[in-house]
Amino acid sequence: MSSSCVFCAINREPARAARVFEDEHSIAFLDHRPLFPGHVLVVPREHHETLGDLPRHLLTPFFAAAQLLSRAVEKALDADGTFLAINNKVSQSVPHLHMHVIPRRRKDGLRGFFWPRVGYASAAHMEETAERIREAVRLHPSS
């Protein structure tokens, strides 16, 4: 745990947030600045800054907690669905891995993604980009 991380502090001091779930690997609590009421953050108990830092053995428990919370938020709030998101570094307000679970309703005003889409300059640019990613996967399959 990090002594300066707000999510680690919430893990140590349960009263610091409105917890909705906890198990041996994860905790979940209401976001203090929600997009909509019921916006939940799912965080691993151990301090890991990004998804890339999360040890492989914690991937399944982390995503299982996110799945559980997605179903629970939808059911508890009679939502039409949920939006799940992870920011890694860019736009990550707290440098501790966290999954946003946000209740959604049709015509709720949230329009898809929050950023403009930028296409490829050409089919060749798209293929070059794909090849660069494939090469990175070949060189670093588990890192």
N, C-alpha and C. Protein backbone atom coordinates (compact mmCIF):
# COMPACT_ATOMS: atom_id res chain seq x y z
N MET A 1 0.84 -1.19 0.00
CA MET A 1 0.00 0.00 0.00
C MET A 1 0.87 1.24 0.00
N SER A 2 0.35 2.25 -0.61
CA SER A 2 1.05 3.52 -0.67
C SER A 2 0.51 4.44 0.43
N SER A 3 1.40 5.07 1.16
CA SER A 3 0.96 5.96 2.25
C SER A 3 0.33 7.25 1.72
N SER A 4 0.61 7.62 0.47
CA SER A 4 0.07 8.87 -0.07
C SER A 4 -1.13 8.66 -1.01
N CYS A 5 -1.53 7.42 -1.26
CA CYS A 5 -2.61 7.11 -2.20
C CYS A 5 -3.97 7.16 -1.51
N VAL A 6 -4.89 7.94 -2.07
CA VAL A 6 -6.22 8.07 -1.49
C VAL A 6 -6.97 6.74 -1.51
N PHE A 7 -6.79 5.92 -2.55
CA PHE A 7 -7.49 4.63 -2.59
C PHE A 7 -6.90 3.65 -1.59
N CYS A 8 -5.60 3.71 -1.35
CA CYS A 8 -5.01 2.89 -0.30
C CYS A 8 -5.53 3.33 1.07
N ALA A 9 -5.73 4.63 1.25
CA ALA A 9 -6.30 5.14 2.51
C ALA A 9 -7.73 4.62 2.70
N ILE A 10 -8.51 4.60 1.62
CA ILE A 10 -9.87 4.06 1.70
C ILE A 10 -9.83 2.57 2.04
N ASN A 11 -8.85 1.86 1.51
CA ASN A 11 -8.70 0.45 1.84
C ASN A 11 -8.39 0.27 3.33
N ARG A 12 -7.53 1.13 3.88
CA ARG A 12 -7.16 1.04 5.30
C ARG A 12 -8.27 1.53 6.22
N GLU A 13 -9.02 2.55 5.78
CA GLU A 13 -10.04 3.19 6.62
C GLU A 13 -11.39 3.14 5.91
N PRO A 14 -12.15 2.08 6.11
CA PRO A 14 -13.41 1.90 5.39
C PRO A 14 -14.39 3.08 5.48
N ALA A 15 -14.37 3.82 6.56
CA ALA A 15 -15.32 4.91 6.74
C ALA A 15 -15.05 6.09 5.79
N ARG A 16 -13.92 6.09 5.11
CA ARG A 16 -13.58 7.21 4.22
C ARG A 16 -14.40 7.22 2.93
N ALA A 17 -15.13 6.14 2.64
CA ALA A 17 -15.93 6.07 1.41
C ALA A 17 -17.15 5.19 1.65
N ALA A 18 -18.14 5.34 0.78
CA ALA A 18 -19.35 4.52 0.86
C ALA A 18 -19.09 3.21 0.13
N ARG A 19 -18.60 2.23 0.87
CA ARG A 19 -18.27 0.93 0.28
C ARG A 19 -19.53 0.18 -0.11
N VAL A 20 -19.44 -0.50 -1.24
CA VAL A 20 -20.55 -1.33 -1.70
C VAL A 20 -20.15 -2.78 -1.88
N PHE A 21 -18.84 -3.06 -1.81
CA PHE A 21 -18.35 -4.43 -2.00
C PHE A 21 -16.92 -4.51 -1.49
N GLU A 22 -16.56 -5.68 -0.99
CA GLU A 22 -15.17 -5.97 -0.70
C GLU A 22 -14.98 -7.48 -0.64
N ASP A 23 -13.82 -7.90 -1.07
CA ASP A 23 -13.38 -9.28 -0.90
C ASP A 23 -11.89 -9.23 -0.62
N GLU A 24 -11.22 -10.36 -0.66
CA GLU A 24 -9.80 -10.37 -0.30
C GLU A 24 -8.92 -9.62 -1.29
N HIS A 25 -9.39 -9.43 -2.52
CA HIS A 25 -8.57 -8.80 -3.55
C HIS A 25 -8.98 -7.39 -3.94
N SER A 26 -10.25 -7.05 -3.77
CA SER A 26 -10.78 -5.79 -4.28
C SER A 26 -11.72 -5.13 -3.29
N ILE A 27 -11.88 -3.82 -3.48
CA ILE A 27 -12.93 -3.08 -2.80
C ILE A 27 -13.64 -2.26 -3.86
N ALA A 28 -14.88 -1.89 -3.58
CA ALA A 28 -15.65 -1.03 -4.47
C ALA A 28 -16.42 -0.04 -3.62
N PHE A 29 -16.48 1.19 -4.11
CA PHE A 29 -17.14 2.25 -3.36
C PHE A 29 -17.69 3.28 -4.33
N LEU A 30 -18.63 4.09 -3.85
CA LEU A 30 -19.22 5.12 -4.68
C LEU A 30 -18.20 6.21 -4.97
N ASP A 31 -18.16 6.65 -6.22
CA ASP A 31 -17.30 7.76 -6.63
C ASP A 31 -17.83 9.02 -5.96
N HIS A 32 -16.94 9.84 -5.39
CA HIS A 32 -17.40 11.05 -4.69
C HIS A 32 -17.80 12.16 -5.67
N ARG A 33 -17.46 12.01 -6.95
CA ARG A 33 -17.89 12.95 -7.99
C ARG A 33 -18.46 12.13 -9.15
N PRO A 34 -19.65 11.56 -8.96
CA PRO A 34 -20.19 10.62 -9.95
C PRO A 34 -20.68 11.29 -11.23
N LEU A 35 -20.58 10.54 -12.33
CA LEU A 35 -21.25 10.98 -13.55
C LEU A 35 -22.75 10.88 -13.37
N PHE A 36 -23.19 9.81 -12.72
CA PHE A 36 -24.59 9.59 -12.35
C PHE A 36 -24.60 8.94 -10.98
N PRO A 37 -25.66 9.12 -10.17
CA PRO A 37 -25.74 8.40 -8.90
C PRO A 37 -25.58 6.89 -9.14
N GLY A 38 -24.77 6.26 -8.30
CA GLY A 38 -24.49 4.84 -8.44
C GLY A 38 -23.19 4.56 -9.16
N HIS A 39 -22.46 5.59 -9.55
CA HIS A 39 -21.14 5.46 -10.19
C HIS A 39 -20.19 4.86 -9.16
N VAL A 40 -19.68 3.68 -9.44
CA VAL A 40 -18.85 2.91 -8.52
C VAL A 40 -17.42 2.82 -9.05
N LEU A 41 -16.47 2.81 -8.14
CA LEU A 41 -15.07 2.54 -8.48
C LEU A 41 -14.68 1.20 -7.88
N VAL A 42 -14.12 0.33 -8.70
CA VAL A 42 -13.61 -0.97 -8.25
C VAL A 42 -12.10 -0.87 -8.27
N VAL A 43 -11.45 -1.15 -7.14
CA VAL A 43 -9.99 -1.02 -7.05
C VAL A 43 -9.38 -2.27 -6.41
N PRO A 44 -8.20 -2.65 -6.86
CA PRO A 44 -7.52 -3.75 -6.18
C PRO A 44 -7.04 -3.27 -4.81
N ARG A 45 -7.05 -4.14 -3.84
CA ARG A 45 -6.57 -3.77 -2.50
C ARG A 45 -5.09 -3.41 -2.54
N GLU A 46 -4.30 -4.18 -3.29
CA GLU A 46 -2.88 -3.89 -3.42
C GLU A 46 -2.71 -2.66 -4.31
N HIS A 47 -1.69 -1.88 -4.03
CA HIS A 47 -1.42 -0.68 -4.83
C HIS A 47 -0.72 -1.05 -6.14
N HIS A 48 -1.44 -0.88 -7.23
CA HIS A 48 -0.90 -1.04 -8.59
C HIS A 48 -1.44 0.15 -9.37
N GLU A 49 -0.55 0.87 -10.03
CA GLU A 49 -0.98 2.12 -10.66
C GLU A 49 -1.82 1.93 -11.90
N THR A 50 -1.50 0.97 -12.75
CA THR A 50 -2.22 0.80 -14.00
C THR A 50 -2.56 -0.66 -14.23
N LEU A 51 -3.40 -0.92 -15.21
CA LEU A 51 -3.74 -2.29 -15.56
C LEU A 51 -2.49 -3.07 -15.94
N GLY A 52 -1.56 -2.42 -16.62
CA GLY A 52 -0.32 -3.08 -17.00
C GLY A 52 0.54 -3.49 -15.81
N ASP A 53 0.34 -2.83 -14.68
CA ASP A 53 1.10 -3.15 -13.46
C ASP A 53 0.47 -4.27 -12.64
N LEU A 54 -0.81 -4.56 -12.89
CA LEU A 54 -1.52 -5.56 -12.09
C LEU A 54 -0.96 -6.95 -12.39
N PRO A 55 -0.51 -7.67 -11.36
CA PRO A 55 0.01 -9.02 -11.59
C PRO A 55 -1.06 -9.92 -12.21
N ARG A 56 -0.60 -10.82 -13.05
CA ARG A 56 -1.51 -11.69 -13.80
C ARG A 56 -2.49 -12.44 -12.87
N HIS A 57 -2.01 -12.89 -11.71
CA HIS A 57 -2.88 -13.66 -10.81
C HIS A 57 -4.02 -12.82 -10.23
N LEU A 58 -3.95 -11.50 -10.35
CA LEU A 58 -5.02 -10.64 -9.85
C LEU A 58 -5.99 -10.19 -10.94
N LEU A 59 -5.69 -10.51 -12.20
CA LEU A 59 -6.58 -10.10 -13.29
C LEU A 59 -7.97 -10.69 -13.15
N THR A 60 -8.05 -11.99 -12.95
CA THR A 60 -9.36 -12.63 -12.85
C THR A 60 -10.15 -12.12 -11.66
N PRO A 61 -9.58 -12.02 -10.47
CA PRO A 61 -10.37 -11.48 -9.35
C PRO A 61 -10.82 -10.03 -9.59
N PHE A 62 -9.95 -9.21 -10.19
CA PHE A 62 -10.31 -7.82 -10.44
C PHE A 62 -11.47 -7.71 -11.43
N PHE A 63 -11.38 -8.43 -12.54
CA PHE A 63 -12.45 -8.36 -13.53
C PHE A 63 -13.72 -9.07 -13.06
N ALA A 64 -13.58 -10.08 -12.21
CA ALA A 64 -14.76 -10.72 -11.63
C ALA A 64 -15.51 -9.73 -10.73
N ALA A 65 -14.77 -8.94 -9.96
CA ALA A 65 -15.40 -7.91 -9.13
C ALA A 65 -16.08 -6.86 -9.99
N ALA A 66 -15.43 -6.45 -11.07
CA ALA A 66 -16.04 -5.47 -11.98
C ALA A 66 -17.31 -6.03 -12.60
N GLN A 67 -17.29 -7.30 -12.99
CA GLN A 67 -18.48 -7.94 -13.57
C GLN A 67 -19.62 -7.98 -12.54
N LEU A 68 -19.30 -8.38 -11.33
CA LEU A 68 -20.29 -8.43 -10.26
C LEU A 68 -20.91 -7.06 -10.02
N LEU A 69 -20.07 -6.03 -9.93
CA LEU A 69 -20.56 -4.68 -9.68
C LEU A 69 -21.36 -4.15 -10.86
N SER A 70 -20.99 -4.50 -12.08
CA SER A 70 -21.75 -4.09 -13.24
C SER A 70 -23.18 -4.63 -13.17
N ARG A 71 -23.29 -5.89 -12.84
CA ARG A 71 -24.63 -6.51 -12.70
C ARG A 71 -25.39 -5.90 -11.53
N ALA A 72 -24.71 -5.69 -10.41
CA ALA A 72 -25.38 -5.17 -9.22
C ALA A 72 -25.87 -3.74 -9.42
N VAL A 73 -25.04 -2.89 -10.03
CA VAL A 73 -25.43 -1.50 -10.27
C VAL A 73 -26.65 -1.46 -11.19
N GLU A 74 -26.61 -2.26 -12.25
CA GLU A 74 -27.74 -2.29 -13.19
C GLU A 74 -29.03 -2.72 -12.48
N LYS A 75 -28.94 -3.78 -11.70
CA LYS A 75 -30.13 -4.31 -11.01
C LYS A 75 -30.61 -3.35 -9.92
N ALA A 76 -29.69 -2.89 -9.08
CA ALA A 76 -30.07 -2.05 -7.94
C ALA A 76 -30.69 -0.73 -8.37
N LEU A 77 -30.23 -0.19 -9.48
CA LEU A 77 -30.69 1.13 -9.92
C LEU A 77 -31.65 1.06 -11.09
N ASP A 78 -32.08 -0.15 -11.43
CA ASP A 78 -32.99 -0.34 -12.56
C ASP A 78 -32.46 0.37 -13.80
N ALA A 79 -31.16 0.26 -14.01
CA ALA A 79 -30.50 0.90 -15.16
C ALA A 79 -30.66 0.04 -16.40
N ASP A 80 -30.57 0.67 -17.56
CA ASP A 80 -30.64 -0.06 -18.82
C ASP A 80 -29.35 -0.81 -19.12
N GLY A 81 -28.26 -0.37 -18.52
CA GLY A 81 -26.95 -0.99 -18.73
C GLY A 81 -25.91 -0.27 -17.91
N THR A 82 -24.65 -0.56 -18.18
CA THR A 82 -23.55 0.12 -17.49
C THR A 82 -22.46 0.45 -18.50
N PHE A 83 -21.64 1.41 -18.15
CA PHE A 83 -20.44 1.76 -18.90
C PHE A 83 -19.28 1.49 -17.98
N LEU A 84 -18.29 0.71 -18.45
CA LEU A 84 -17.11 0.41 -17.67
C LEU A 84 -15.90 1.03 -18.34
N ALA A 85 -15.02 1.64 -17.54
CA ALA A 85 -13.85 2.31 -18.12
C ALA A 85 -12.68 2.28 -17.15
N ILE A 86 -11.48 2.18 -17.74
CA ILE A 86 -10.23 2.29 -17.00
C ILE A 86 -9.38 3.32 -17.73
N ASN A 87 -8.87 4.29 -17.00
CA ASN A 87 -7.87 5.20 -17.54
C ASN A 87 -6.51 4.71 -17.07
N ASN A 88 -5.55 4.63 -17.98
CA ASN A 88 -4.18 4.27 -17.64
C ASN A 88 -3.31 5.48 -17.90
N LYS A 89 -2.86 6.11 -16.83
CA LYS A 89 -1.98 7.28 -16.85
C LYS A 89 -2.71 8.53 -17.32
N VAL A 90 -3.04 8.64 -18.60
CA VAL A 90 -3.73 9.83 -19.11
C VAL A 90 -5.15 9.84 -18.55
N SER A 91 -5.54 10.95 -17.97
CA SER A 91 -6.87 11.15 -17.35
C SER A 91 -7.08 10.29 -16.11
N GLN A 92 -6.04 9.71 -15.57
CA GLN A 92 -6.17 8.90 -14.35
C GLN A 92 -5.95 9.83 -13.17
N SER A 93 -7.04 10.25 -12.53
CA SER A 93 -6.95 11.25 -11.46
C SER A 93 -6.28 10.71 -10.20
N VAL A 94 -6.38 9.43 -9.95
CA VAL A 94 -5.71 8.79 -8.82
C VAL A 94 -4.80 7.70 -9.39
N PRO A 95 -3.50 7.76 -9.12
CA PRO A 95 -2.58 6.77 -9.68
C PRO A 95 -2.64 5.43 -8.95
N HIS A 96 -3.82 4.84 -8.97
CA HIS A 96 -4.08 3.51 -8.42
C HIS A 96 -5.14 2.93 -9.35
N LEU A 97 -4.88 1.77 -9.92
CA LEU A 97 -5.81 1.16 -10.87
C LEU A 97 -7.24 1.20 -10.33
N HIS A 98 -8.16 1.63 -11.16
CA HIS A 98 -9.57 1.60 -10.79
C HIS A 98 -10.45 1.50 -12.02
N MET A 99 -11.51 0.72 -11.89
CA MET A 99 -12.50 0.53 -12.94
C MET A 99 -13.74 1.34 -12.55
N HIS A 100 -14.16 2.21 -13.46
CA HIS A 100 -15.41 2.95 -13.28
C HIS A 100 -16.55 2.05 -13.73
N VAL A 101 -17.58 1.92 -12.91
CA VAL A 101 -18.80 1.21 -13.28
C VAL A 101 -19.91 2.25 -13.16
N ILE A 102 -20.45 2.65 -14.31
CA ILE A 102 -21.37 3.78 -14.36
C ILE A 102 -22.73 3.30 -14.88
N PRO A 103 -23.79 3.54 -14.10
CA PRO A 103 -25.12 3.15 -14.58
C PRO A 103 -25.51 3.97 -15.81
N ARG A 104 -26.15 3.33 -16.77
CA ARG A 104 -26.59 4.01 -17.98
C ARG A 104 -28.07 3.80 -18.22
N ARG A 105 -28.67 4.83 -18.77
CA ARG A 105 -30.06 4.77 -19.21
C ARG A 105 -30.13 5.35 -20.61
N ARG A 106 -30.99 4.81 -21.41
CA ARG A 106 -31.15 5.38 -22.75
C ARG A 106 -31.49 6.86 -22.64
N LYS A 107 -30.87 7.65 -23.49
CA LYS A 107 -31.10 9.10 -23.53
C LYS A 107 -30.69 9.80 -22.23
N ASP A 108 -29.65 9.27 -21.56
CA ASP A 108 -29.18 9.88 -20.30
C ASP A 108 -28.25 11.06 -20.54
N GLY A 109 -27.94 11.37 -21.80
CA GLY A 109 -27.10 12.51 -22.10
C GLY A 109 -25.64 12.18 -22.29
N LEU A 110 -25.22 11.00 -21.88
CA LEU A 110 -23.83 10.58 -22.07
C LEU A 110 -23.73 10.02 -23.48
N ARG A 111 -22.90 10.62 -24.28
CA ARG A 111 -22.82 10.24 -25.68
C ARG A 111 -21.55 9.44 -25.97
N GLY A 112 -21.68 8.12 -25.98
CA GLY A 112 -20.56 7.26 -26.36
C GLY A 112 -19.29 7.57 -25.61
N PHE A 113 -18.23 7.76 -26.36
CA PHE A 113 -16.95 8.11 -25.77
C PHE A 113 -16.89 9.61 -25.53
N PHE A 114 -15.97 10.03 -24.71
CA PHE A 114 -15.88 11.43 -24.31
C PHE A 114 -14.87 12.21 -25.14
N TRP A 115 -14.37 11.65 -26.21
CA TRP A 115 -13.32 12.30 -26.99
C TRP A 115 -13.63 12.15 -28.48
N PRO A 116 -13.06 13.04 -29.28
CA PRO A 116 -13.28 12.93 -30.73
C PRO A 116 -12.54 11.72 -31.30
N ARG A 117 -13.08 11.16 -32.34
CA ARG A 117 -12.44 10.02 -32.99
C ARG A 117 -11.52 10.52 -34.09
N VAL A 118 -10.37 9.89 -34.19
CA VAL A 118 -9.38 10.25 -35.21
C VAL A 118 -9.09 8.99 -36.02
N GLY A 119 -9.37 9.03 -37.30
CA GLY A 119 -9.19 7.87 -38.16
C GLY A 119 -7.75 7.71 -38.64
N TYR A 120 -7.53 6.68 -39.43
CA TYR A 120 -6.23 6.42 -40.03
C TYR A 120 -6.11 7.24 -41.30
N ALA A 121 -4.90 7.66 -41.63
CA ALA A 121 -4.65 8.47 -42.83
C ALA A 121 -4.90 7.64 -44.10
N SER A 122 -4.68 6.33 -43.99
CA SER A 122 -4.84 5.45 -45.16
C SER A 122 -4.90 4.01 -44.68
N ALA A 123 -5.19 3.10 -45.61
CA ALA A 123 -5.17 1.68 -45.28
C ALA A 123 -3.75 1.25 -44.88
N ALA A 124 -2.75 1.84 -45.53
CA ALA A 124 -1.36 1.51 -45.19
C ALA A 124 -1.02 1.97 -43.77
N HIS A 125 -1.50 3.14 -43.38
CA HIS A 125 -1.28 3.64 -42.03
C HIS A 125 -1.93 2.69 -41.01
N MET A 126 -3.13 2.21 -41.32
CA MET A 126 -3.83 1.28 -40.44
C MET A 126 -3.03 -0.01 -40.30
N GLU A 127 -2.53 -0.56 -41.41
CA GLU A 127 -1.76 -1.80 -41.37
C GLU A 127 -0.44 -1.61 -40.63
N GLU A 128 0.22 -0.48 -40.85
CA GLU A 128 1.47 -0.20 -40.14
C GLU A 128 1.24 -0.15 -38.63
N THR A 129 0.15 0.49 -38.23
CA THR A 129 -0.19 0.57 -36.81
C THR A 129 -0.47 -0.82 -36.24
N ALA A 130 -1.23 -1.62 -36.98
CA ALA A 130 -1.53 -2.98 -36.53
C ALA A 130 -0.26 -3.80 -36.39
N GLU A 131 0.66 -3.67 -37.35
CA GLU A 131 1.90 -4.44 -37.29
C GLU A 131 2.76 -4.02 -36.11
N ARG A 132 2.81 -2.74 -35.80
CA ARG A 132 3.58 -2.27 -34.65
C ARG A 132 3.04 -2.88 -33.35
N ILE A 133 1.71 -2.96 -33.24
CA ILE A 133 1.10 -3.54 -32.04
C ILE A 133 1.36 -5.04 -32.00
N ARG A 134 1.20 -5.72 -33.13
CA ARG A 134 1.49 -7.17 -33.16
C ARG A 134 2.93 -7.45 -32.75
N GLU A 135 3.86 -6.62 -33.21
CA GLU A 135 5.28 -6.80 -32.86
C GLU A 135 5.50 -6.60 -31.36
N ALA A 136 4.85 -5.61 -30.79
CA ALA A 136 4.98 -5.38 -29.34
C ALA A 136 4.43 -6.57 -28.56
N VAL A 137 3.33 -7.16 -29.04
CA VAL A 137 2.78 -8.35 -28.38
C VAL A 137 3.75 -9.51 -28.48
N ARG A 138 4.37 -9.69 -29.64
CA ARG A 138 5.34 -10.79 -29.81
C ARG A 138 6.55 -10.60 -28.90
N LEU A 139 7.02 -9.37 -28.74
CA LEU A 139 8.20 -9.12 -27.94
C LEU A 139 7.94 -9.15 -26.45
N HIS A 140 6.73 -8.80 -26.03
CA HIS A 140 6.40 -8.69 -24.60
C HIS A 140 5.03 -9.31 -24.33
N PRO A 141 4.86 -10.62 -24.54
CA PRO A 141 3.54 -11.24 -24.42
C PRO A 141 2.92 -11.20 -23.03
N SER A 142 3.72 -11.16 -21.98
CA SER A 142 3.13 -11.21 -20.65
C SER A 142 3.52 -10.02 -19.77
N SER A 143 4.11 -9.01 -20.37
CA SER A 143 4.51 -7.88 -19.53
C SER A 143 3.51 -6.76 -19.62
